[in-house]
Amino acid sequence: MNTSSILKTFGLDSDNCELKPLGDGLINMTWIVNETSTNKAFVFQQVNDKVFKHPEDIASNIRLK
């Protein structure tokens, strides 16, 4: 996984971010991203497309709330 390109997609600079695994996900991978220059934190999750055949539906369901 190329974390630099993922962080860039969200407007974050990899030089100013610390990534740490968050939990022991059995299905999805989850990380906490701490942006050191602003003291902001984000949660990133990589959805397992072997389990969720249409991962875009997850985001769609969240937007419906």
N, C-alpha and C. Protein backbone atom coordinates (compact mmCIF):
# COMPACT_ATOMS: atom_id res chain seq x y z
N MET A 1 0.85 -1.18 0.00
CA MET A 1 0.00 0.00 0.00
C MET A 1 0.89 1.24 0.00
N ASN A 2 0.62 2.17 -0.88
CA ASN A 2 1.37 3.41 -0.97
C ASN A 2 0.66 4.48 -0.14
N THR A 3 1.09 4.62 1.10
CA THR A 3 0.41 5.55 2.00
C THR A 3 0.58 7.00 1.57
N SER A 4 1.70 7.34 0.96
CA SER A 4 1.92 8.73 0.53
C SER A 4 0.86 9.17 -0.46
N SER A 5 0.55 8.32 -1.44
CA SER A 5 -0.46 8.70 -2.44
C SER A 5 -1.86 8.75 -1.84
N ILE A 6 -2.12 7.87 -0.89
CA ILE A 6 -3.43 7.89 -0.22
C ILE A 6 -3.59 9.17 0.59
N LEU A 7 -2.56 9.53 1.35
CA LEU A 7 -2.61 10.76 2.15
C LEU A 7 -2.77 11.98 1.23
N LYS A 8 -2.05 11.99 0.13
CA LYS A 8 -2.14 13.11 -0.82
C LYS A 8 -3.56 13.25 -1.36
N THR A 9 -4.24 12.13 -1.61
CA THR A 9 -5.62 12.16 -2.10
C THR A 9 -6.52 12.95 -1.15
N PHE A 10 -6.21 12.88 0.15
CA PHE A 10 -7.01 13.59 1.16
C PHE A 10 -6.40 14.93 1.56
N GLY A 11 -5.42 15.40 0.78
CA GLY A 11 -4.82 16.70 1.04
C GLY A 11 -3.86 16.70 2.22
N LEU A 12 -3.31 15.55 2.55
CA LEU A 12 -2.38 15.44 3.68
C LEU A 12 -0.97 15.18 3.17
N ASP A 13 0.01 15.71 3.86
CA ASP A 13 1.42 15.55 3.51
C ASP A 13 2.01 14.43 4.35
N SER A 14 2.56 13.43 3.70
CA SER A 14 3.09 12.27 4.43
C SER A 14 4.23 12.65 5.37
N ASP A 15 4.93 13.76 5.10
CA ASP A 15 6.00 14.21 6.00
C ASP A 15 5.45 14.71 7.33
N ASN A 16 4.17 15.08 7.36
CA ASN A 16 3.55 15.63 8.58
C ASN A 16 2.54 14.67 9.21
N CYS A 17 2.58 13.40 8.81
CA CYS A 17 1.59 12.45 9.31
C CYS A 17 2.25 11.21 9.91
N GLU A 18 1.64 10.75 10.97
CA GLU A 18 2.04 9.48 11.58
C GLU A 18 0.87 8.52 11.45
N LEU A 19 1.12 7.33 10.92
CA LEU A 19 0.08 6.31 10.76
C LEU A 19 0.35 5.19 11.74
N LYS A 20 -0.71 4.75 12.42
CA LYS A 20 -0.61 3.61 13.32
C LYS A 20 -1.84 2.73 13.13
N PRO A 21 -1.64 1.41 13.15
CA PRO A 21 -2.80 0.52 13.06
C PRO A 21 -3.77 0.80 14.20
N LEU A 22 -5.05 0.68 13.91
CA LEU A 22 -6.10 0.90 14.90
C LEU A 22 -6.91 -0.38 15.01
N GLY A 23 -6.70 -1.11 16.08
CA GLY A 23 -7.42 -2.35 16.29
C GLY A 23 -6.82 -3.51 15.51
N ASP A 24 -7.51 -4.64 15.60
CA ASP A 24 -7.09 -5.88 14.94
C ASP A 24 -8.16 -6.36 13.98
N GLY A 25 -8.54 -5.53 13.04
CA GLY A 25 -9.64 -5.86 12.15
C GLY A 25 -9.48 -7.20 11.45
N LEU A 26 -10.50 -8.00 11.49
CA LEU A 26 -10.48 -9.29 10.81
C LEU A 26 -10.92 -9.17 9.35
N ILE A 27 -11.68 -8.12 9.06
CA ILE A 27 -12.21 -7.95 7.71
C ILE A 27 -11.54 -6.75 7.02
N ASN A 28 -11.53 -5.61 7.67
CA ASN A 28 -10.96 -4.39 7.10
C ASN A 28 -9.71 -3.98 7.87
N MET A 29 -8.83 -3.23 7.21
CA MET A 29 -7.66 -2.66 7.85
C MET A 29 -7.99 -1.22 8.24
N THR A 30 -7.64 -0.82 9.46
CA THR A 30 -7.96 0.51 9.94
C THR A 30 -6.72 1.14 10.55
N TRP A 31 -6.51 2.44 10.26
CA TRP A 31 -5.37 3.18 10.79
C TRP A 31 -5.85 4.49 11.38
N ILE A 32 -5.11 4.96 12.39
CA ILE A 32 -5.29 6.32 12.89
C ILE A 32 -4.18 7.14 12.25
N VAL A 33 -4.52 8.27 11.70
CA VAL A 33 -3.56 9.16 11.06
C VAL A 33 -3.51 10.43 11.89
N ASN A 34 -2.35 10.71 12.46
CA ASN A 34 -2.15 11.94 13.23
C ASN A 34 -1.37 12.92 12.37
N GLU A 35 -1.98 14.07 12.09
CA GLU A 35 -1.30 15.11 11.33
C GLU A 35 -0.57 15.99 12.34
N THR A 36 0.74 15.88 12.36
CA THR A 36 1.54 16.52 13.41
C THR A 36 1.56 18.04 13.31
N SER A 37 1.40 18.60 12.12
CA SER A 37 1.46 20.05 11.97
C SER A 37 0.22 20.76 12.49
N THR A 38 -0.91 20.05 12.56
CA THR A 38 -2.17 20.68 13.00
C THR A 38 -2.78 20.01 14.22
N ASN A 39 -2.19 18.90 14.66
CA ASN A 39 -2.74 18.11 15.77
C ASN A 39 -4.13 17.57 15.48
N LYS A 40 -4.42 17.33 14.22
CA LYS A 40 -5.69 16.71 13.83
C LYS A 40 -5.47 15.22 13.67
N ALA A 41 -6.52 14.46 13.91
CA ALA A 41 -6.44 13.01 13.74
C ALA A 41 -7.57 12.56 12.82
N PHE A 42 -7.28 11.53 12.04
CA PHE A 42 -8.24 10.97 11.09
C PHE A 42 -8.20 9.46 11.21
N VAL A 43 -9.30 8.82 10.86
CA VAL A 43 -9.34 7.37 10.79
C VAL A 43 -9.49 6.98 9.33
N PHE A 44 -8.57 6.15 8.85
CA PHE A 44 -8.62 5.64 7.49
C PHE A 44 -8.94 4.16 7.56
N GLN A 45 -9.76 3.70 6.66
CA GLN A 45 -10.11 2.28 6.63
C GLN A 45 -10.04 1.76 5.20
N GLN A 46 -9.36 0.64 5.05
CA GLN A 46 -9.29 -0.05 3.77
C GLN A 46 -10.33 -1.17 3.82
N VAL A 47 -11.34 -1.06 2.98
CA VAL A 47 -12.43 -2.02 2.97
C VAL A 47 -12.01 -3.25 2.17
N ASN A 48 -12.26 -4.41 2.71
CA ASN A 48 -11.91 -5.67 2.06
C ASN A 48 -12.92 -5.96 0.95
N ASP A 49 -12.46 -5.85 -0.30
CA ASP A 49 -13.38 -6.04 -1.42
C ASP A 49 -13.64 -7.52 -1.74
N LYS A 50 -13.00 -8.41 -0.99
CA LYS A 50 -13.33 -9.84 -1.11
C LYS A 50 -14.59 -10.15 -0.30
N VAL A 51 -14.79 -9.38 0.78
CA VAL A 51 -15.97 -9.55 1.63
C VAL A 51 -17.10 -8.64 1.15
N PHE A 52 -16.76 -7.39 0.87
CA PHE A 52 -17.74 -6.41 0.39
C PHE A 52 -17.53 -6.24 -1.11
N LYS A 53 -18.32 -6.93 -1.90
CA LYS A 53 -18.14 -6.96 -3.36
C LYS A 53 -18.34 -5.60 -4.02
N HIS A 54 -19.11 -4.72 -3.38
CA HIS A 54 -19.36 -3.38 -3.91
C HIS A 54 -19.09 -2.37 -2.80
N PRO A 55 -17.80 -2.10 -2.50
CA PRO A 55 -17.47 -1.22 -1.38
C PRO A 55 -18.03 0.19 -1.52
N GLU A 56 -18.30 0.63 -2.75
CA GLU A 56 -18.87 1.96 -2.92
C GLU A 56 -20.26 2.06 -2.29
N ASP A 57 -20.94 0.93 -2.12
CA ASP A 57 -22.25 0.92 -1.47
C ASP A 57 -22.17 1.31 0.00
N ILE A 58 -21.02 1.06 0.62
CA ILE A 58 -20.85 1.43 2.03
C ILE A 58 -20.94 2.95 2.17
N ALA A 59 -20.19 3.67 1.33
CA ALA A 59 -20.23 5.13 1.38
C ALA A 59 -21.62 5.65 1.04
N SER A 60 -22.27 5.02 0.09
CA SER A 60 -23.63 5.42 -0.29
C SER A 60 -24.59 5.26 0.89
N ASN A 61 -24.48 4.15 1.61
CA ASN A 61 -25.33 3.92 2.78
C ASN A 61 -25.08 4.94 3.87
N ILE A 62 -23.83 5.33 4.06
CA ILE A 62 -23.50 6.33 5.08
C ILE A 62 -24.13 7.67 4.72
N ARG A 63 -24.06 8.03 3.44
CA ARG A 63 -24.65 9.31 3.00
C ARG A 63 -26.17 9.33 3.17
N LEU A 64 -26.83 8.19 3.18
CA LEU A 64 -28.28 8.14 3.33
C LEU A 64 -28.75 8.48 4.73
N LYS A 65 -27.87 8.40 5.71
CA LYS A 65 -28.26 8.69 7.11
C LYS A 65 -28.55 10.14 7.32
